[in-house]
Amino acid sequence: MEPAGAQSVAAWLQGALNTPCKTVFLYEKAESELFPDPNLVVKGRPESPAGLLRFARASYQLRRSLGDGDTLIAHTHYAIVFAALLGVARRKRARMLAVHHSPEDRYPSVARLGVRAARSLRLIDDEVYCAASIAPPGATVIPNPVPQARTTRAVEPREVDVLIVARHSSEKSLDTAIRALPSMPDRTITFLGGGALTEELQQLASALGVEDRAIFLGRVPNERTRAFMAKARCVVLTSVWEALPMVLLEAVAEDAPLVVSDIPAHKFLEEAGAALAFTTKDPQSLADAIEKARTPEALQAMTRGRQTIKKDFSETATARAWDELIANP
C-alpha cells in the first residue's frame, strides 16, 4: 500500500488502542517503513483468474478468523468495500467500522459505488472521518493526532530554509512553490518526496532560472524527514485539497513554522494561529506568507498556536475517542 496518511494512522492505532489489534493489507503496493514486513491477504494485485482465485481463498481464511465481538476497521475506499464483502460472507458477526481519510467524491468510481451499496445494505456499522473538512453534517469525526516529537536524532541533515514534504502530484500544486522562488531571491526550497511530476517540476525550475534554489532530495525515511522539519525555517503545504495531512501534524510536533494554502482542511491551523495562510495557487501570495513567517511577531504567534493544536489534537485525546467508539457500539 502507498505510504500515505491512512497507513500512518493504521500504524498508530495498532500501538495506541487498549484493545489488541493487527493490520492487514489487501496486497503490497509499495514498500513502507511503517510496515516493513506487512501482513498481506495476497502478495500482489490479483490481476489474473488464478490471482483472483488465490485472493478469494485468502479472503475466506481471513473471514474465518473473525469472531463475535471482533471489530474490523477498514481504512478508505477499496478496503471498506472489501470489509463489507467479508460481512456478506461471514456467519459470525463482527462489527465493521469504515474510516474515511479523503472525501468520498474523490474515491475511484467503482469504490464509491461499492461504499454506497455497503451503506444501503447496512453492512457498515459505523463511519469515522479523519477531519471535519471532509465529513457530512452529524458524522463522527476523530482527527488524526499530533504525533510525539522525535527525541532522538539518528541523522543530522543540513539546516534547510523552506521545506516541502509531499507527493509530486497535481493536487499538491508544487509548481506554485517553484513559481514563488523568483520573488524570493534569497530563499531556497527543499522538496522531500517523489512522484509522476518530479521531472516536470525540475524542468519548470530550470525554465524559471531557479534550479539552484529548488533542491529535490527524493523520498527519505520518516525519521530523517522529521529531523529536516526540526531544522527548517519554514514548512510549506501548497495543496489544492487535503483531508487532515499527517505532514502538518508532524511539523507541529517538531515546532516548525507553517505556511499553508487557504483550503478548508488547513483552516483549523490558521484559526489557532499555528500557521500563516496564502491564497491557493497564487505564487506571490505564497512568497509574501513565507517572508512574513520569519518575522518575530509571526513566529511568536505560531508558537502559541502550536500549543493549542498539540492540546486539541493530542495522541491521548485521539486514542480515548477511538477506545470509546470501539467499546460502545
Protein backbone atom coordinates (compact mmCIF):
# COMPACT_ATOMS: atom_id res chain seq x y z
CA MET A 1 0.00 0.00 0.00
CA GLU A 2 1.08 3.59 -0.55
CA PRO A 3 2.89 5.31 2.35
CA ALA A 4 0.04 7.78 2.90
CA GLY A 5 -1.97 9.14 5.81
CA ALA A 6 -4.25 6.10 6.11
CA GLN A 7 -1.23 3.88 6.63
CA SER A 8 0.24 6.25 9.22
CA VAL A 9 -2.98 6.23 11.23
CA ALA A 10 -3.32 2.44 10.96
CA ALA A 11 0.21 2.04 12.36
CA TRP A 12 -0.54 4.50 15.14
CA LEU A 13 -3.83 2.80 16.08
CA GLN A 14 -2.08 -0.56 16.30
CA GLY A 15 0.05 0.77 19.13
CA ALA A 16 -2.37 3.25 20.73
CA LEU A 17 -5.55 1.26 21.34
CA ASN A 18 -6.15 -0.55 24.61
CA THR A 19 -7.76 -3.35 22.60
CA PRO A 20 -5.19 -5.58 20.84
CA CYS A 21 -5.30 -5.23 17.06
CA LYS A 22 -3.36 -6.09 13.94
CA THR A 23 -3.13 -4.51 10.50
CA VAL A 24 -3.83 -6.46 7.31
CA PHE A 25 -3.22 -5.14 3.78
CA LEU A 26 -5.06 -6.46 0.73
CA TYR A 27 -1.75 -6.56 -1.14
CA GLU A 28 1.54 -4.69 -1.09
CA LYS A 29 1.53 -1.74 -3.49
CA ALA A 30 4.77 -0.14 -2.30
CA GLU A 31 7.26 -0.76 0.47
CA SER A 32 6.74 1.10 3.74
CA GLU A 33 8.98 1.70 6.72
CA LEU A 34 5.84 1.66 8.90
CA PHE A 35 5.15 -1.96 7.93
CA PRO A 36 8.48 -3.47 6.80
CA ASP A 37 7.00 -6.99 6.93
CA PRO A 38 3.31 -6.38 6.21
CA ASN A 39 0.56 -8.91 6.83
CA LEU A 40 -0.87 -9.35 3.32
CA VAL A 41 -4.02 -11.06 2.07
CA VAL A 42 -2.10 -11.81 -1.16
CA LYS A 43 1.40 -10.80 -2.28
CA GLY A 44 0.46 -8.93 -5.44
CA ARG A 45 -2.51 -7.31 -7.15
CA PRO A 46 -4.88 -10.13 -8.24
CA GLU A 47 -4.99 -9.41 -11.99
CA SER A 48 -5.38 -12.92 -13.48
CA PRO A 49 -8.04 -15.62 -12.91
CA ALA A 50 -5.52 -17.58 -10.86
CA GLY A 51 -4.69 -14.48 -8.85
CA LEU A 52 -8.36 -13.81 -8.18
CA LEU A 53 -8.79 -17.40 -7.02
CA ARG A 54 -5.86 -17.05 -4.59
CA PHE A 55 -7.34 -13.78 -3.35
CA ALA A 56 -10.75 -15.41 -2.80
CA ARG A 57 -9.20 -18.30 -0.85
CA ALA A 58 -7.12 -15.96 1.30
CA SER A 59 -10.18 -13.77 1.93
CA TYR A 60 -12.12 -16.84 3.04
CA GLN A 61 -9.43 -17.67 5.57
CA LEU A 62 -9.50 -14.10 6.83
CA ARG A 63 -13.28 -14.27 7.18
CA ARG A 64 -13.00 -17.46 9.21
CA SER A 65 -10.64 -15.75 11.63
CA LEU A 66 -13.28 -13.15 12.57
CA GLY A 67 -15.40 -13.90 15.61
CA ASP A 68 -18.30 -12.42 17.55
CA GLY A 69 -17.23 -9.26 19.31
CA ASP A 70 -14.34 -8.50 16.92
CA THR A 71 -14.12 -5.07 15.33
CA LEU A 72 -13.00 -4.72 11.73
CA ILE A 73 -11.61 -1.23 10.94
CA ALA A 74 -11.35 -0.55 7.19
CA HIS A 75 -9.29 2.42 6.03
CA THR A 76 -10.64 4.14 2.90
CA HIS A 77 -12.44 3.16 -0.33
CA TYR A 78 -11.40 -0.32 -1.57
CA ALA A 79 -10.61 -1.53 1.95
CA ILE A 80 -14.13 -0.51 3.02
CA VAL A 81 -15.67 -2.37 0.07
CA PHE A 82 -13.56 -5.45 0.83
CA ALA A 83 -14.54 -5.42 4.51
CA ALA A 84 -18.20 -5.10 3.52
CA LEU A 85 -17.90 -8.14 1.23
CA LEU A 86 -16.42 -10.09 4.14
CA GLY A 87 -19.53 -9.07 6.07
CA VAL A 88 -21.80 -10.59 3.43
CA ALA A 89 -19.94 -13.89 3.59
CA ARG A 90 -19.35 -14.33 7.31
CA ARG A 91 -21.66 -16.19 9.63
CA LYS A 92 -20.21 -14.88 12.84
CA ARG A 93 -20.98 -11.24 13.48
CA ALA A 94 -18.04 -8.82 13.69
CA ARG A 95 -18.55 -5.09 13.88
CA MET A 96 -17.39 -3.10 10.84
CA LEU A 97 -16.05 0.47 11.09
CA ALA A 98 -15.36 2.45 7.90
CA VAL A 99 -12.67 5.13 8.22
CA HIS A 100 -12.56 7.86 5.58
CA HIS A 101 -9.21 9.59 5.03
CA SER A 102 -10.33 11.56 1.99
CA PRO A 103 -13.62 12.95 0.64
CA GLU A 104 -15.89 10.26 -0.73
CA ASP A 105 -16.29 12.10 -4.03
CA ARG A 106 -12.56 11.59 -4.59
CA TYR A 107 -12.82 7.79 -4.35
CA PRO A 108 -12.41 5.76 -7.57
CA SER A 109 -15.83 5.38 -9.18
CA VAL A 110 -16.08 1.62 -8.52
CA ALA A 111 -15.09 2.05 -4.88
CA ARG A 112 -17.52 4.95 -4.47
CA LEU A 113 -20.39 2.81 -5.76
CA GLY A 114 -19.28 -0.08 -3.54
CA VAL A 115 -19.21 2.09 -0.40
CA ARG A 116 -22.68 3.43 -1.15
CA ALA A 117 -24.01 -0.09 -1.74
CA ALA A 118 -22.47 -1.34 1.52
CA ARG A 119 -24.04 1.59 3.35
CA SER A 120 -27.50 0.96 1.89
CA LEU A 121 -27.27 -2.77 2.70
CA ARG A 122 -26.30 -1.89 6.31
CA LEU A 123 -23.00 -3.75 6.06
CA ILE A 124 -21.22 -0.79 7.70
CA ASP A 125 -21.92 -0.36 11.41
CA ASP A 126 -20.16 2.98 11.96
CA GLU A 127 -18.31 5.53 9.86
CA VAL A 128 -15.49 7.77 11.05
CA TYR A 129 -13.95 10.76 9.26
CA CYS A 130 -10.41 11.91 9.97
CA ALA A 131 -11.29 15.60 9.57
CA ALA A 132 -14.35 17.84 9.83
CA SER A 133 -13.49 19.27 6.42
CA ILE A 134 -14.48 16.02 4.67
CA ALA A 135 -17.29 14.85 7.00
CA PRO A 136 -21.01 15.23 6.23
CA PRO A 137 -23.14 17.02 8.86
CA GLY A 138 -23.58 14.98 12.05
CA ALA A 139 -20.92 12.41 11.16
CA THR A 140 -18.40 11.08 13.67
CA VAL A 141 -15.04 12.87 13.39
CA ILE A 142 -11.92 11.58 15.11
CA PRO A 143 -9.00 13.69 13.91
CA ASN A 144 -5.55 12.33 13.25
CA PRO A 145 -3.30 13.05 16.25
CA VAL A 146 -0.24 15.25 16.56
CA PRO A 147 2.47 12.59 16.99
CA GLN A 148 5.05 12.89 19.70
CA ALA A 149 8.17 14.86 18.80
CA ARG A 150 11.19 12.72 17.97
CA THR A 151 13.60 12.84 20.91
CA THR A 152 16.47 11.14 19.12
CA ARG A 153 18.25 12.34 16.02
CA ALA A 154 19.75 9.32 14.32
CA VAL A 155 20.61 11.52 11.34
CA GLU A 156 21.79 15.09 11.09
CA PRO A 157 20.52 16.68 7.87
CA ARG A 158 21.79 20.11 6.98
CA GLU A 159 19.72 23.05 8.06
CA VAL A 160 17.12 23.91 5.42
CA ASP A 161 15.31 27.12 4.58
CA VAL A 162 11.84 26.34 3.19
CA LEU A 163 10.82 22.66 3.35
CA ILE A 164 8.04 20.91 1.42
CA VAL A 165 7.16 17.27 2.11
CA ALA A 166 4.66 15.95 -0.43
CA ARG A 167 3.97 13.58 -3.28
CA HIS A 168 4.75 15.10 -6.67
CA SER A 169 1.17 15.02 -7.95
CA SER A 170 -1.22 17.65 -9.31
CA GLU A 171 -3.30 18.08 -6.14
CA LYS A 172 -0.17 19.11 -4.20
CA SER A 173 0.31 22.14 -6.52
CA LEU A 174 4.08 22.14 -6.03
CA ASP A 175 4.54 24.30 -9.12
CA THR A 176 3.11 27.18 -7.04
CA ALA A 177 6.15 26.97 -4.75
CA ILE A 178 8.61 26.91 -7.64
CA ARG A 179 6.87 29.89 -9.28
CA ALA A 180 7.22 31.77 -5.98
CA LEU A 181 11.02 31.46 -5.93
CA PRO A 182 11.75 34.30 -8.38
CA SER A 183 10.04 36.65 -5.89
CA MET A 184 12.31 35.35 -3.09
CA PRO A 185 15.89 35.73 -4.41
CA ASP A 186 17.48 34.88 -1.04
CA ARG A 187 15.39 31.77 -0.29
CA THR A 188 15.71 28.08 -1.18
CA ILE A 189 13.08 25.33 -1.16
CA THR A 190 13.94 21.70 -0.36
CA PHE A 191 11.48 19.12 -1.68
CA LEU A 192 11.17 15.73 0.04
CA GLY A 193 9.10 13.16 -1.80
CA GLY A 194 8.61 11.97 -5.34
CA GLY A 195 6.03 11.10 -7.90
CA ALA A 196 4.91 11.35 -11.50
CA LEU A 197 5.58 15.10 -11.79
CA THR A 198 9.17 15.21 -10.48
CA GLU A 199 10.79 15.72 -13.89
CA GLU A 200 8.18 18.31 -14.89
CA LEU A 201 8.80 20.28 -11.69
CA GLN A 202 12.56 20.18 -12.21
CA GLN A 203 12.11 21.42 -15.78
CA LEU A 204 9.93 24.29 -14.51
CA ALA A 205 12.62 25.29 -12.00
CA SER A 206 15.20 25.29 -14.79
CA ALA A 207 12.96 27.36 -17.09
CA LEU A 208 12.49 29.96 -14.35
CA GLY A 209 16.22 30.06 -13.62
CA VAL A 210 15.83 28.85 -10.01
CA GLU A 211 17.12 25.28 -10.38
CA ASP A 212 19.95 26.01 -7.93
CA ARG A 213 17.41 27.04 -5.26
CA ALA A 214 14.86 24.23 -5.81
CA ILE A 215 16.50 21.20 -4.20
CA PHE A 216 14.94 17.78 -4.86
CA LEU A 217 16.11 15.09 -2.43
CA GLY A 218 13.52 12.41 -3.27
CA ARG A 219 11.83 10.15 -0.72
CA VAL A 220 13.56 9.88 2.65
CA PRO A 221 12.68 7.83 5.78
CA ASN A 222 10.27 9.39 8.26
CA GLU A 223 12.97 9.72 10.94
CA ARG A 224 15.07 11.83 8.58
CA THR A 225 12.03 13.80 7.39
CA ARG A 226 11.18 14.73 10.96
CA ALA A 227 14.78 15.82 11.52
CA PHE A 228 14.55 18.09 8.47
CA MET A 229 11.34 19.60 9.89
CA ALA A 230 13.03 20.34 13.20
CA LYS A 231 15.78 22.27 11.36
CA ALA A 232 13.60 24.04 8.76
CA ARG A 233 12.93 27.76 8.95
CA CYS A 234 9.50 27.12 7.44
CA VAL A 235 7.42 24.08 6.35
CA VAL A 236 5.02 24.75 3.48
CA LEU A 237 2.00 22.86 2.13
CA THR A 238 0.67 24.15 -1.20
CA SER A 239 -2.13 21.60 -1.78
CA VAL A 240 -5.39 22.43 -3.53
CA TRP A 241 -7.14 19.79 -1.41
CA GLU A 242 -6.40 17.68 1.67
CA ALA A 243 -8.27 15.93 4.48
CA LEU A 244 -6.00 16.15 7.54
CA PRO A 245 -2.42 15.71 6.29
CA MET A 246 -0.08 13.94 8.68
CA VAL A 247 2.85 16.03 7.41
CA LEU A 248 1.34 19.13 9.03
CA LEU A 249 0.74 17.36 12.33
CA GLU A 250 4.33 16.09 12.28
CA ALA A 251 5.53 19.64 11.59
CA VAL A 252 3.53 20.87 14.59
CA ALA A 253 5.16 18.16 16.71
CA GLU A 254 8.60 19.35 15.57
CA ASP A 255 7.74 23.04 16.30
CA ALA A 256 8.23 24.09 12.69
CA PRO A 257 6.74 27.40 11.46
CA LEU A 258 3.99 26.63 8.94
CA VAL A 259 2.67 28.27 5.76
CA VAL A 260 -0.38 26.57 4.22
CA SER A 261 -2.80 27.07 1.34
CA ASP A 262 -6.17 28.53 2.35
CA ILE A 263 -8.23 25.39 1.77
CA PRO A 264 -10.85 24.11 4.27
CA ALA A 265 -8.59 21.32 5.56
CA HIS A 266 -5.98 23.84 6.76
CA LYS A 267 -8.36 26.35 8.34
CA PHE A 268 -8.04 24.90 11.86
CA LEU A 269 -4.32 25.73 11.83
CA GLU A 270 -4.90 29.29 10.70
CA GLU A 271 -7.70 29.83 13.24
CA ALA A 272 -5.46 28.57 16.07
CA GLY A 273 -2.66 30.85 14.92
CA ALA A 274 -0.39 27.85 14.25
CA ALA A 275 0.11 28.66 10.55
CA LEU A 276 0.04 31.51 8.06
CA ALA A 277 -2.27 31.03 5.08
CA PHE A 278 -1.80 32.12 1.48
CA THR A 279 -4.18 32.22 -1.48
CA THR A 280 -4.19 28.79 -3.13
CA LYS A 281 -2.24 28.58 -6.42
CA ASP A 282 -1.02 32.19 -6.03
CA PRO A 283 2.83 32.28 -6.12
CA GLN A 284 3.10 35.90 -4.96
CA SER A 285 0.74 35.30 -2.03
CA LEU A 286 2.88 32.31 -1.05
CA ALA A 287 6.08 34.34 -1.29
CA ASP A 288 4.59 37.05 0.91
CA ALA A 289 3.49 34.50 3.53
CA ILE A 290 6.91 32.83 3.60
CA GLU A 291 8.55 36.19 4.16
CA LYS A 292 6.09 37.07 6.93
CA ALA A 293 6.71 33.68 8.59
CA ARG A 294 10.23 34.69 9.63
CA THR A 295 9.19 37.87 11.46
CA PRO A 296 9.37 37.76 15.29
CA GLU A 297 5.66 38.58 15.62
CA ALA A 298 4.59 35.72 13.35
CA LEU A 299 6.98 33.25 14.98
CA GLN A 300 5.65 34.07 18.46
CA ALA A 301 2.02 33.76 17.33
CA MET A 302 2.68 30.39 15.67
CA THR A 303 4.43 29.10 18.79
CA ARG A 304 1.31 29.86 20.83
CA GLY A 305 -0.90 28.33 18.14
CA ARG A 306 1.08 25.10 18.05
CA GLN A 307 0.49 24.63 21.78
CA THR A 308 -3.25 24.85 21.16
CA ILE A 309 -3.09 22.30 18.34
CA LYS A 310 -0.93 19.92 20.40
CA LYS A 311 -3.55 20.03 23.17
CA ASP A 312 -6.65 19.71 20.97
CA PHE A 313 -5.16 17.00 18.74
CA SER A 314 -3.14 15.10 21.32
CA GLU A 315 -2.47 11.39 20.96
CA THR A 316 -4.16 10.82 24.32
CA ALA A 317 -7.38 12.55 23.25
CA THR A 318 -7.49 10.75 19.91
CA ALA A 319 -6.79 7.34 21.47
CA ARG A 320 -9.51 7.95 24.07
CA ALA A 321 -12.03 8.78 21.31
CA TRP A 322 -11.18 5.57 19.44
CA ASP A 323 -11.34 3.44 22.61
CA GLU A 324 -14.75 4.89 23.46
CA LEU A 325 -16.06 4.25 19.94
CA ILE A 326 -14.92 0.63 19.96
CA ALA A 327 -16.13 -0.03 23.49
CA ASN A 328 -19.60 1.46 22.89
CA PRO A 329 -21.19 0.09 19.70
